[in-house]
Amino acid sequence: MEKLNREEKIDKFLEMVEKSDNIVFFGGAGVSTESGIPDFRSVDGLYNQEYDYPPETILSHTFYRRNTEEFYRFYRNKMLCLTAQPNPAHRKLADLEAAGKVKAVVTQNIDGLHQLAGSKKVLELHGSVHRNYCESCHAQYDAQYILNSSGVPKCEKCGGALKPDVVLYEEGLDNRIIQEAIYCITNADMLIIGGTSLAVYPAAGLIDYYQGDKLILVNKTATARDGIANLTLQESIGELFDRIKIS
């Protein structure tokens, strides 16, 4: 694509959205950080004073099994941001879906903000904090129940341990969700990727299934896949989407 300045890039993006009617959005942590949900990889200064392990270790299947109580201490403190509200990106994606333009949202986030904003077709690659289940009797519990519990949360029905329906490190993704995401991306006429550095696999590899010529990367910093995009925008995802007009 020809060399464009910032405003020309934004105008080009808005024009592509206007002319597309089968858009798939693929989002990462940067979509949620604009709603005030911290990216757990961005370890703050207090982190090392409070936890003895890095986030990726705590959020692993092995750690969950061996140190379940410490897992939940981190999980409640860092992963359950239940007061967060959708930002303009979430809301505009829901509006675009209602208008028949966005066909699916594929997300690496587990916060449920896309659904809260009104999106219906949301493919959650890494699960959701809002679904929790008893490992013994499979009874279901919401995120508020986990937040209000202490230690290792227990099932009220059978006393079994509860587990969040989120994909931990060392666990595989849900193949049904993956296949549906592949189908949606393969058939999209426009693929917008926002708020992700495209460093987490296998999720990041899904973009290779896109076959069109409107691959857009929106991230505040460069990504490893910028070279294959038809358009890159180093912008706030919320501010950019706020500029989309739906006729």
C-alpha atoms as a PDB file:
ATOM      1  CA  MET A   1       0.000   0.000   0.000  1.00  0.00           C
ATOM      2  CA  GLU A   2       1.154   3.513  -0.779  1.00  0.00           C
ATOM      3  CA  LYS A   3       2.756   5.570   1.993  1.00  0.00           C
ATOM      4  CA  LEU A   4      -0.035   7.305   3.906  1.00  0.00           C
ATOM      5  CA  ASN A   5       0.071   9.773   6.762  1.00  0.00           C
ATOM      6  CA  ARG A   6      -1.885   9.154   9.969  1.00  0.00           C
ATOM      7  CA  GLU A   7      -5.127  10.832   8.928  1.00  0.00           C
ATOM      8  CA  GLU A   8      -5.021   9.223   5.503  1.00  0.00           C
ATOM      9  CA  LYS A   9      -4.624   5.824   7.149  1.00  0.00           C
ATOM     10  CA  ILE A  10      -7.598   6.466   9.410  1.00  0.00           C
ATOM     11  CA  ASP A  11      -9.714   7.640   6.442  1.00  0.00           C
ATOM     12  CA  LYS A  12      -8.699   4.509   4.530  1.00  0.00           C
ATOM     13  CA  PHE A  13      -9.701   2.340   7.479  1.00  0.00           C
ATOM     14  CA  LEU A  14     -13.092   4.040   7.801  1.00  0.00           C
ATOM     15  CA  GLU A  15     -13.676   3.644   4.070  1.00  0.00           C
ATOM     16  CA  MET A  16     -12.859  -0.080   4.247  1.00  0.00           C
ATOM     17  CA  VAL A  17     -15.309  -0.551   7.141  1.00  0.00           C
ATOM     18  CA  GLU A  18     -18.010   1.297   5.243  1.00  0.00           C
ATOM     19  CA  LYS A  19     -17.568  -0.902   2.159  1.00  0.00           C
ATOM     20  CA  SER A  20     -17.370  -4.230   4.030  1.00  0.00           C
ATOM     21  CA  ASP A  21     -20.237  -6.428   5.153  1.00  0.00           C
ATOM     22  CA  ASN A  22     -18.408  -9.489   6.465  1.00  0.00           C
ATOM     23  CA  ILE A  23     -16.002  -8.123   9.067  1.00  0.00           C
ATOM     24  CA  VAL A  24     -14.311 -10.272  11.683  1.00  0.00           C
ATOM     25  CA  PHE A  25     -12.595  -8.615  14.630  1.00  0.00           C
ATOM     26  CA  PHE A  26      -9.738 -10.400  16.418  1.00  0.00           C
ATOM     27  CA  GLY A  27      -8.859  -8.743  19.732  1.00  0.00           C
ATOM     28  CA  GLY A  28      -6.291  -9.053  22.484  1.00  0.00           C
ATOM     29  CA  ALA A  29      -5.487  -7.511  25.855  1.00  0.00           C
ATOM     30  CA  GLY A  30      -5.152  -3.989  24.437  1.00  0.00           C
ATOM     31  CA  VAL A  31      -8.916  -3.894  23.892  1.00  0.00           C
ATOM     32  CA  SER A  32      -9.533  -4.496  27.594  1.00  0.00           C
ATOM     33  CA  THR A  33      -6.797  -2.234  28.968  1.00  0.00           C
ATOM     34  CA  GLU A  34      -8.775   0.734  27.627  1.00  0.00           C
ATOM     35  CA  SER A  35     -11.550  -0.345  30.010  1.00  0.00           C
ATOM     36  CA  GLY A  36      -9.097  -0.235  32.905  1.00  0.00           C
ATOM     37  CA  ILE A  37      -8.330  -3.952  33.010  1.00  0.00           C
ATOM     38  CA  PRO A  38      -4.573  -4.353  33.474  1.00  0.00           C
ATOM     39  CA  ASP A  39      -2.587  -6.583  31.157  1.00  0.00           C
ATOM     40  CA  PHE A  40      -1.173  -9.115  33.618  1.00  0.00           C
ATOM     41  CA  ARG A  41       2.038  -9.265  31.584  1.00  0.00           C
ATOM     42  CA  SER A  42       2.657  -5.612  32.426  1.00  0.00           C
ATOM     43  CA  VAL A  43       3.850  -6.369  35.932  1.00  0.00           C
ATOM     44  CA  ASP A  44       3.534  -3.317  38.161  1.00  0.00           C
ATOM     45  CA  GLY A  45       6.057  -2.289  40.797  1.00  0.00           C
ATOM     46  CA  LEU A  46       4.038  -3.851  43.613  1.00  0.00           C
ATOM     47  CA  TYR A  47       3.809  -7.205  41.896  1.00  0.00           C
ATOM     48  CA  ASN A  48       7.126  -8.685  42.998  1.00  0.00           C
ATOM     49  CA  GLN A  49       6.504  -7.614  46.586  1.00  0.00           C
ATOM     50  CA  GLU A  50       3.260  -9.574  46.689  1.00  0.00           C
ATOM     51  CA  TYR A  51       3.879 -12.730  44.608  1.00  0.00           C
ATOM     52  CA  ASP A  52       6.796 -15.137  44.520  1.00  0.00           C
ATOM     53  CA  TYR A  53       6.166 -16.303  40.955  1.00  0.00           C
ATOM     54  CA  PRO A  54       5.693 -14.614  37.555  1.00  0.00           C
ATOM     55  CA  PRO A  55       2.117 -14.403  36.201  1.00  0.00           C
ATOM     56  CA  GLU A  56       2.707 -17.027  33.512  1.00  0.00           C
ATOM     57  CA  THR A  57       3.745 -19.517  36.211  1.00  0.00           C
ATOM     58  CA  ILE A  58       0.760 -18.788  38.476  1.00  0.00           C
ATOM     59  CA  LEU A  59      -1.644 -19.040  35.542  1.00  0.00           C
ATOM     60  CA  SER A  60      -0.401 -22.485  34.517  1.00  0.00           C
ATOM     61  CA  HIS A  61      -2.221 -25.784  34.903  1.00  0.00           C
ATOM     62  CA  THR A  62       0.629 -27.213  36.959  1.00  0.00           C
ATOM     63  CA  PHE A  63       0.612 -24.302  39.416  1.00  0.00           C
ATOM     64  CA  TYR A  64      -3.179 -24.436  39.679  1.00  0.00           C
ATOM     65  CA  ARG A  65      -2.988 -28.093  40.694  1.00  0.00           C
ATOM     66  CA  ARG A  66      -0.041 -27.731  43.092  1.00  0.00           C
ATOM     67  CA  ASN A  67      -0.736 -24.316  44.637  1.00  0.00           C
ATOM     68  CA  THR A  68      -4.478 -23.852  44.204  1.00  0.00           C
ATOM     69  CA  GLU A  69      -4.936 -21.416  47.075  1.00  0.00           C
ATOM     70  CA  GLU A  70      -2.096 -19.160  45.863  1.00  0.00           C
ATOM     71  CA  PHE A  71      -3.535 -19.369  42.342  1.00  0.00           C
ATOM     72  CA  TYR A  72      -6.847 -18.055  43.612  1.00  0.00           C
ATOM     73  CA  ARG A  73      -5.191 -15.276  45.599  1.00  0.00           C
ATOM     74  CA  PHE A  74      -3.663 -13.978  42.357  1.00  0.00           C
ATOM     75  CA  TYR A  75      -6.774 -14.753  40.302  1.00  0.00           C
ATOM     76  CA  ARG A  76      -9.114 -12.769  42.542  1.00  0.00           C
ATOM     77  CA  ASN A  77      -6.706  -9.855  42.801  1.00  0.00           C
ATOM     78  CA  LYS A  78      -5.558  -9.561  39.183  1.00  0.00           C
ATOM     79  CA  MET A  79      -8.023 -11.345  36.912  1.00  0.00           C
ATOM     80  CA  LEU A  80     -11.463 -10.527  38.322  1.00  0.00           C
ATOM     81  CA  CYS A  81     -12.139  -6.908  37.305  1.00  0.00           C
ATOM     82  CA  LEU A  82     -15.901  -7.164  37.586  1.00  0.00           C
ATOM     83  CA  THR A  83     -16.586  -3.412  37.739  1.00  0.00           C
ATOM     84  CA  ALA A  84     -14.972  -2.751  34.336  1.00  0.00           C
ATOM     85  CA  GLN A  85     -17.272  -1.385  31.645  1.00  0.00           C
ATOM     86  CA  PRO A  86     -17.135  -1.688  27.840  1.00  0.00           C
ATOM     87  CA  ASN A  87     -15.209   1.048  26.025  1.00  0.00           C
ATOM     88  CA  PRO A  88     -16.019   2.596  22.608  1.00  0.00           C
ATOM     89  CA  ALA A  89     -14.377  -0.321  20.755  1.00  0.00           C
ATOM     90  CA  HIS A  90     -16.636  -2.880  22.460  1.00  0.00           C
ATOM     91  CA  ARG A  91     -19.728  -0.754  21.906  1.00  0.00           C
ATOM     92  CA  LYS A  92     -19.024   0.051  18.255  1.00  0.00           C
ATOM     93  CA  LEU A  93     -18.340  -3.617  17.453  1.00  0.00           C
ATOM     94  CA  ALA A  94     -21.753  -4.472  18.926  1.00  0.00           C
ATOM     95  CA  ASP A  95     -23.339  -1.707  16.828  1.00  0.00           C
ATOM     96  CA  LEU A  96     -21.569  -2.969  13.687  1.00  0.00           C
ATOM     97  CA  GLU A  97     -22.818  -6.487  14.367  1.00  0.00           C
ATOM     98  CA  ALA A  98     -26.384  -5.195  14.824  1.00  0.00           C
ATOM     99  CA  ALA A  99     -26.009  -3.391  11.493  1.00  0.00           C
ATOM    100  CA  GLY A 100     -25.030  -6.675   9.810  1.00  0.00           C
ATOM    101  CA  LYS A 101     -21.412  -5.715   9.125  1.00  0.00           C
ATOM    102  CA  VAL A 102     -19.472  -7.563  11.842  1.00  0.00           C
ATOM    103  CA  LYS A 103     -20.066 -11.313  11.669  1.00  0.00           C
ATOM    104  CA  ALA A 104     -17.901 -12.417  14.607  1.00  0.00           C
ATOM    105  CA  VAL A 105     -15.634 -11.192  17.380  1.00  0.00           C
ATOM    106  CA  VAL A 106     -12.729 -13.532  18.139  1.00  0.00           C
ATOM    107  CA  THR A 107     -11.132 -12.602  21.447  1.00  0.00           C
ATOM    108  CA  GLN A 108      -8.218 -13.661  23.598  1.00  0.00           C
ATOM    109  CA  ASN A 109      -9.773 -11.813  26.539  1.00  0.00           C
ATOM    110  CA  ILE A 110     -11.697 -13.520  29.322  1.00  0.00           C
ATOM    111  CA  ASP A 111     -13.581 -10.540  30.774  1.00  0.00           C
ATOM    112  CA  GLY A 112     -16.910 -10.796  28.935  1.00  0.00           C
ATOM    113  CA  LEU A 113     -16.935  -7.111  27.990  1.00  0.00           C
ATOM    114  CA  HIS A 114     -17.890  -7.776  24.370  1.00  0.00           C
ATOM    115  CA  GLN A 115     -21.063  -9.523  25.520  1.00  0.00           C
ATOM    116  CA  LEU A 116     -21.739  -6.782  28.068  1.00  0.00           C
ATOM    117  CA  ALA A 117     -21.586  -4.259  25.222  1.00  0.00           C
ATOM    118  CA  GLY A 118     -24.147  -6.278  23.258  1.00  0.00           C
ATOM    119  CA  SER A 119     -22.104  -8.457  20.894  1.00  0.00           C
ATOM    120  CA  LYS A 120     -23.801 -11.794  20.214  1.00  0.00           C
ATOM    121  CA  LYS A 121     -21.255 -13.784  18.186  1.00  0.00           C
ATOM    122  CA  VAL A 122     -18.199 -13.822  20.465  1.00  0.00           C
ATOM    123  CA  LEU A 123     -15.657 -16.625  20.177  1.00  0.00           C
ATOM    124  CA  GLU A 124     -13.689 -16.710  23.428  1.00  0.00           C
ATOM    125  CA  LEU A 125     -10.401 -18.468  22.658  1.00  0.00           C
ATOM    126  CA  HIS A 126      -9.257 -18.438  26.277  1.00  0.00           C
ATOM    127  CA  GLY A 127     -12.592 -18.907  28.042  1.00  0.00           C
ATOM    128  CA  SER A 128     -14.316 -16.552  30.470  1.00  0.00           C
ATOM    129  CA  VAL A 129     -14.043 -15.579  34.132  1.00  0.00           C
ATOM    130  CA  HIS A 130     -17.851 -15.517  34.198  1.00  0.00           C
ATOM    131  CA  ARG A 131     -18.074 -19.297  33.901  1.00  0.00           C
ATOM    132  CA  ASN A 132     -16.803 -21.478  36.726  1.00  0.00           C
ATOM    133  CA  TYR A 133     -17.634 -25.080  37.400  1.00  0.00           C
ATOM    134  CA  CYS A 134     -17.340 -27.735  40.063  1.00  0.00           C
ATOM    135  CA  GLU A 135     -14.778 -30.323  39.036  1.00  0.00           C
ATOM    136  CA  SER A 136     -16.819 -33.036  40.793  1.00  0.00           C
ATOM    137  CA  CYS A 137     -20.489 -32.435  39.906  1.00  0.00           C
ATOM    138  CA  HIS A 138     -20.065 -29.758  37.193  1.00  0.00           C
ATOM    139  CA  ALA A 139     -22.414 -27.268  38.879  1.00  0.00           C
ATOM    140  CA  GLN A 140     -21.957 -23.771  37.440  1.00  0.00           C
ATOM    141  CA  TYR A 141     -20.970 -20.621  39.353  1.00  0.00           C
ATOM    142  CA  ASP A 142     -20.549 -16.999  38.307  1.00  0.00           C
ATOM    143  CA  ALA A 143     -17.541 -14.735  38.796  1.00  0.00           C
ATOM    144  CA  GLN A 144     -19.087 -12.915  41.752  1.00  0.00           C
ATOM    145  CA  TYR A 145     -19.281 -16.197  43.657  1.00  0.00           C
ATOM    146  CA  ILE A 146     -15.549 -16.721  43.121  1.00  0.00           C
ATOM    147  CA  LEU A 147     -14.734 -13.139  44.099  1.00  0.00           C
ATOM    148  CA  ASN A 148     -16.735 -13.426  47.333  1.00  0.00           C
ATOM    149  CA  SER A 149     -15.184 -16.762  48.301  1.00  0.00           C
ATOM    150  CA  SER A 150     -11.962 -17.265  50.232  1.00  0.00           C
ATOM    151  CA  GLY A 151      -9.200 -19.802  49.871  1.00  0.00           C
ATOM    152  CA  VAL A 152     -10.114 -22.468  47.331  1.00  0.00           C
ATOM    153  CA  PRO A 153     -13.792 -21.930  46.399  1.00  0.00           C
ATOM    154  CA  LYS A 154     -15.999 -24.944  47.028  1.00  0.00           C
ATOM    155  CA  CYS A 155     -19.206 -26.189  45.475  1.00  0.00           C
ATOM    156  CA  GLU A 156     -22.296 -25.572  47.639  1.00  0.00           C
ATOM    157  CA  LYS A 157     -23.859 -28.779  46.336  1.00  0.00           C
ATOM    158  CA  CYS A 158     -21.117 -31.374  46.749  1.00  0.00           C
ATOM    159  CA  GLY A 159     -18.131 -29.618  48.312  1.00  0.00           C
ATOM    160  CA  GLY A 160     -15.938 -30.142  45.269  1.00  0.00           C
ATOM    161  CA  ALA A 161     -13.300 -27.627  44.174  1.00  0.00           C
ATOM    162  CA  LEU A 162     -14.334 -25.007  41.628  1.00  0.00           C
ATOM    163  CA  LYS A 163     -12.276 -24.210  38.543  1.00  0.00           C
ATOM    164  CA  PRO A 164     -12.577 -21.171  36.274  1.00  0.00           C
ATOM    165  CA  ASP A 165     -13.535 -21.934  32.674  1.00  0.00           C
ATOM    166  CA  VAL A 166     -10.403 -20.198  31.410  1.00  0.00           C
ATOM    167  CA  VAL A 167      -7.570 -21.718  29.405  1.00  0.00           C
ATOM    168  CA  LEU A 168      -4.487 -21.851  31.607  1.00  0.00           C
ATOM    169  CA  TYR A 169      -0.946 -22.178  30.309  1.00  0.00           C
ATOM    170  CA  GLU A 170      -0.262 -25.835  29.401  1.00  0.00           C
ATOM    171  CA  GLU A 171      -3.949 -26.385  28.594  1.00  0.00           C
ATOM    172  CA  GLY A 172      -5.257 -26.755  25.054  1.00  0.00           C
ATOM    173  CA  LEU A 173      -7.746 -24.434  23.405  1.00  0.00           C
ATOM    174  CA  ASP A 174     -11.306 -25.580  22.739  1.00  0.00           C
ATOM    175  CA  ASN A 175     -11.169 -27.168  19.282  1.00  0.00           C
ATOM    176  CA  ARG A 176     -14.798 -26.276  18.513  1.00  0.00           C
ATOM    177  CA  ILE A 177     -14.070 -22.581  19.154  1.00  0.00           C
ATOM    178  CA  ILE A 178     -10.893 -22.774  17.060  1.00  0.00           C
ATOM    179  CA  GLN A 179     -12.702 -24.348  14.122  1.00  0.00           C
ATOM    180  CA  GLU A 180     -15.481 -21.756  14.249  1.00  0.00           C
ATOM    181  CA  ALA A 181     -12.916 -18.942  14.379  1.00  0.00           C
ATOM    182  CA  ILE A 182     -11.087 -20.413  11.389  1.00  0.00           C
ATOM    183  CA  TYR A 183     -14.348 -20.603   9.438  1.00  0.00           C
ATOM    184  CA  CYS A 184     -15.279 -16.993  10.217  1.00  0.00           C
ATOM    185  CA  ILE A 185     -11.792 -15.634   9.434  1.00  0.00           C
ATOM    186  CA  THR A 186     -11.505 -17.652   6.201  1.00  0.00           C
ATOM    187  CA  ASN A 187     -14.798 -16.233   4.927  1.00  0.00           C
ATOM    188  CA  ALA A 188     -14.295 -12.629   6.099  1.00  0.00           C
ATOM    189  CA  ASP A 189     -13.934  -9.833   3.576  1.00  0.00           C
ATOM    190  CA  MET A 190     -12.207  -7.682   6.231  1.00  0.00           C
ATOM    191  CA  LEU A 191     -10.159  -8.816   9.228  1.00  0.00           C
ATOM    192  CA  ILE A 192      -9.415  -6.231  11.902  1.00  0.00           C
ATOM    193  CA  ILE A 193      -6.858  -7.244  14.515  1.00  0.00           C
ATOM    194  CA  GLY A 194      -6.721  -4.955  17.532  1.00  0.00           C
ATOM    195  CA  GLY A 195      -4.910  -4.662  20.837  1.00  0.00           C
ATOM    196  CA  THR A 196      -2.581  -7.613  20.435  1.00  0.00           C
ATOM    197  CA  SER A 197       1.113  -7.993  19.659  1.00  0.00           C
ATOM    198  CA  LEU A 198       0.294 -11.341  17.986  1.00  0.00           C
ATOM    199  CA  ALA A 199       2.824 -13.108  20.189  1.00  0.00           C
ATOM    200  CA  VAL A 200       0.568 -15.738  21.798  1.00  0.00           C
ATOM    201  CA  TYR A 201       0.169 -18.949  19.808  1.00  0.00           C
ATOM    202  CA  PRO A 202      -1.776 -20.850  18.654  1.00  0.00           C
ATOM    203  CA  ALA A 203      -4.280 -17.984  18.709  1.00  0.00           C
ATOM    204  CA  ALA A 204      -2.038 -15.593  16.763  1.00  0.00           C
ATOM    205  CA  GLY A 205      -1.711 -18.130  13.959  1.00  0.00           C
ATOM    206  CA  LEU A 206      -5.411 -17.802  13.168  1.00  0.00           C
ATOM    207  CA  ILE A 207      -4.777 -14.709  11.048  1.00  0.00           C
ATOM    208  CA  ASP A 208      -3.008 -16.909   8.491  1.00  0.00           C
ATOM    209  CA  TYR A 209      -6.421 -18.259   7.485  1.00  0.00           C
ATOM    210  CA  TYR A 210      -7.539 -14.859   6.195  1.00  0.00           C
ATOM    211  CA  GLN A 211      -7.687 -14.809   2.397  1.00  0.00           C
ATOM    212  CA  GLY A 212      -8.806 -11.255   1.630  1.00  0.00           C
ATOM    213  CA  ASP A 213      -7.052  -7.957   0.977  1.00  0.00           C
ATOM    214  CA  LYS A 214      -8.300  -5.926   3.939  1.00  0.00           C
ATOM    215  CA  LEU A 215      -6.127  -7.112   6.821  1.00  0.00           C
ATOM    216  CA  ILE A 216      -5.902  -4.289   9.371  1.00  0.00           C
ATOM    217  CA  LEU A 217      -3.601  -4.251  12.405  1.00  0.00           C
ATOM    218  CA  VAL A 218      -4.471  -1.742  15.137  1.00  0.00           C
ATOM    219  CA  ASN A 219      -2.067  -1.646  18.071  1.00  0.00           C
ATOM    220  CA  LYS A 220      -0.277   1.076  20.016  1.00  0.00           C
ATOM    221  CA  THR A 221       3.074  -0.484  19.153  1.00  0.00           C
ATOM    222  CA  ALA A 222       4.415  -2.423  16.177  1.00  0.00           C
ATOM    223  CA  THR A 223       3.646  -6.146  15.947  1.00  0.00           C
ATOM    224  CA  ALA A 224       5.577  -9.072  14.540  1.00  0.00           C
ATOM    225  CA  ARG A 225       3.068  -9.362  11.685  1.00  0.00           C
ATOM    226  CA  ASP A 226       2.926  -5.730  10.503  1.00  0.00           C
ATOM    227  CA  GLY A 227       4.644  -6.722   7.259  1.00  0.00           C
ATOM    228  CA  ILE A 228       1.721  -8.837   6.054  1.00  0.00           C
ATOM    229  CA  ALA A 229      -0.992  -6.274   6.826  1.00  0.00           C
ATOM    230  CA  ASN A 230      -2.729  -4.170   4.192  1.00  0.00           C
ATOM    231  CA  LEU A 231      -2.951  -1.331   6.710  1.00  0.00           C
ATOM    232  CA  THR A 232      -1.359  -0.742  10.118  1.00  0.00           C
ATOM    233  CA  LEU A 233      -2.526   1.875  12.612  1.00  0.00           C
ATOM    234  CA  GLN A 234      -0.667   2.609  15.838  1.00  0.00           C
ATOM    235  CA  GLU A 235      -3.733   4.049  17.545  1.00  0.00           C
ATOM    236  CA  SER A 236      -5.950   3.711  20.585  1.00  0.00           C
ATOM    237  CA  ILE A 237      -8.469   1.091  19.521  1.00  0.00           C
ATOM    238  CA  GLY A 238     -11.300   2.843  21.365  1.00  0.00           C
ATOM    239  CA  GLU A 239     -10.587   6.257  19.865  1.00  0.00           C
ATOM    240  CA  LEU A 240     -10.280   4.777  16.375  1.00  0.00           C
ATOM    241  CA  PHE A 241     -13.532   2.834  16.579  1.00  0.00           C
ATOM    242  CA  ASP A 242     -15.304   5.851  18.009  1.00  0.00           C
ATOM    243  CA  ARG A 243     -14.781   7.498  14.610  1.00  0.00           C
ATOM    244  CA  ILE A 244     -16.702   4.793  12.726  1.00  0.00           C
ATOM    245  CA  LYS A 245     -20.064   6.060  11.514  1.00  0.00           C
ATOM    246  CA  ILE A 246     -22.825   3.538  10.846  1.00  0.00           C
ATOM    247  CA  SER A 247     -25.338   4.605   8.225  1.00  0.00           C
END
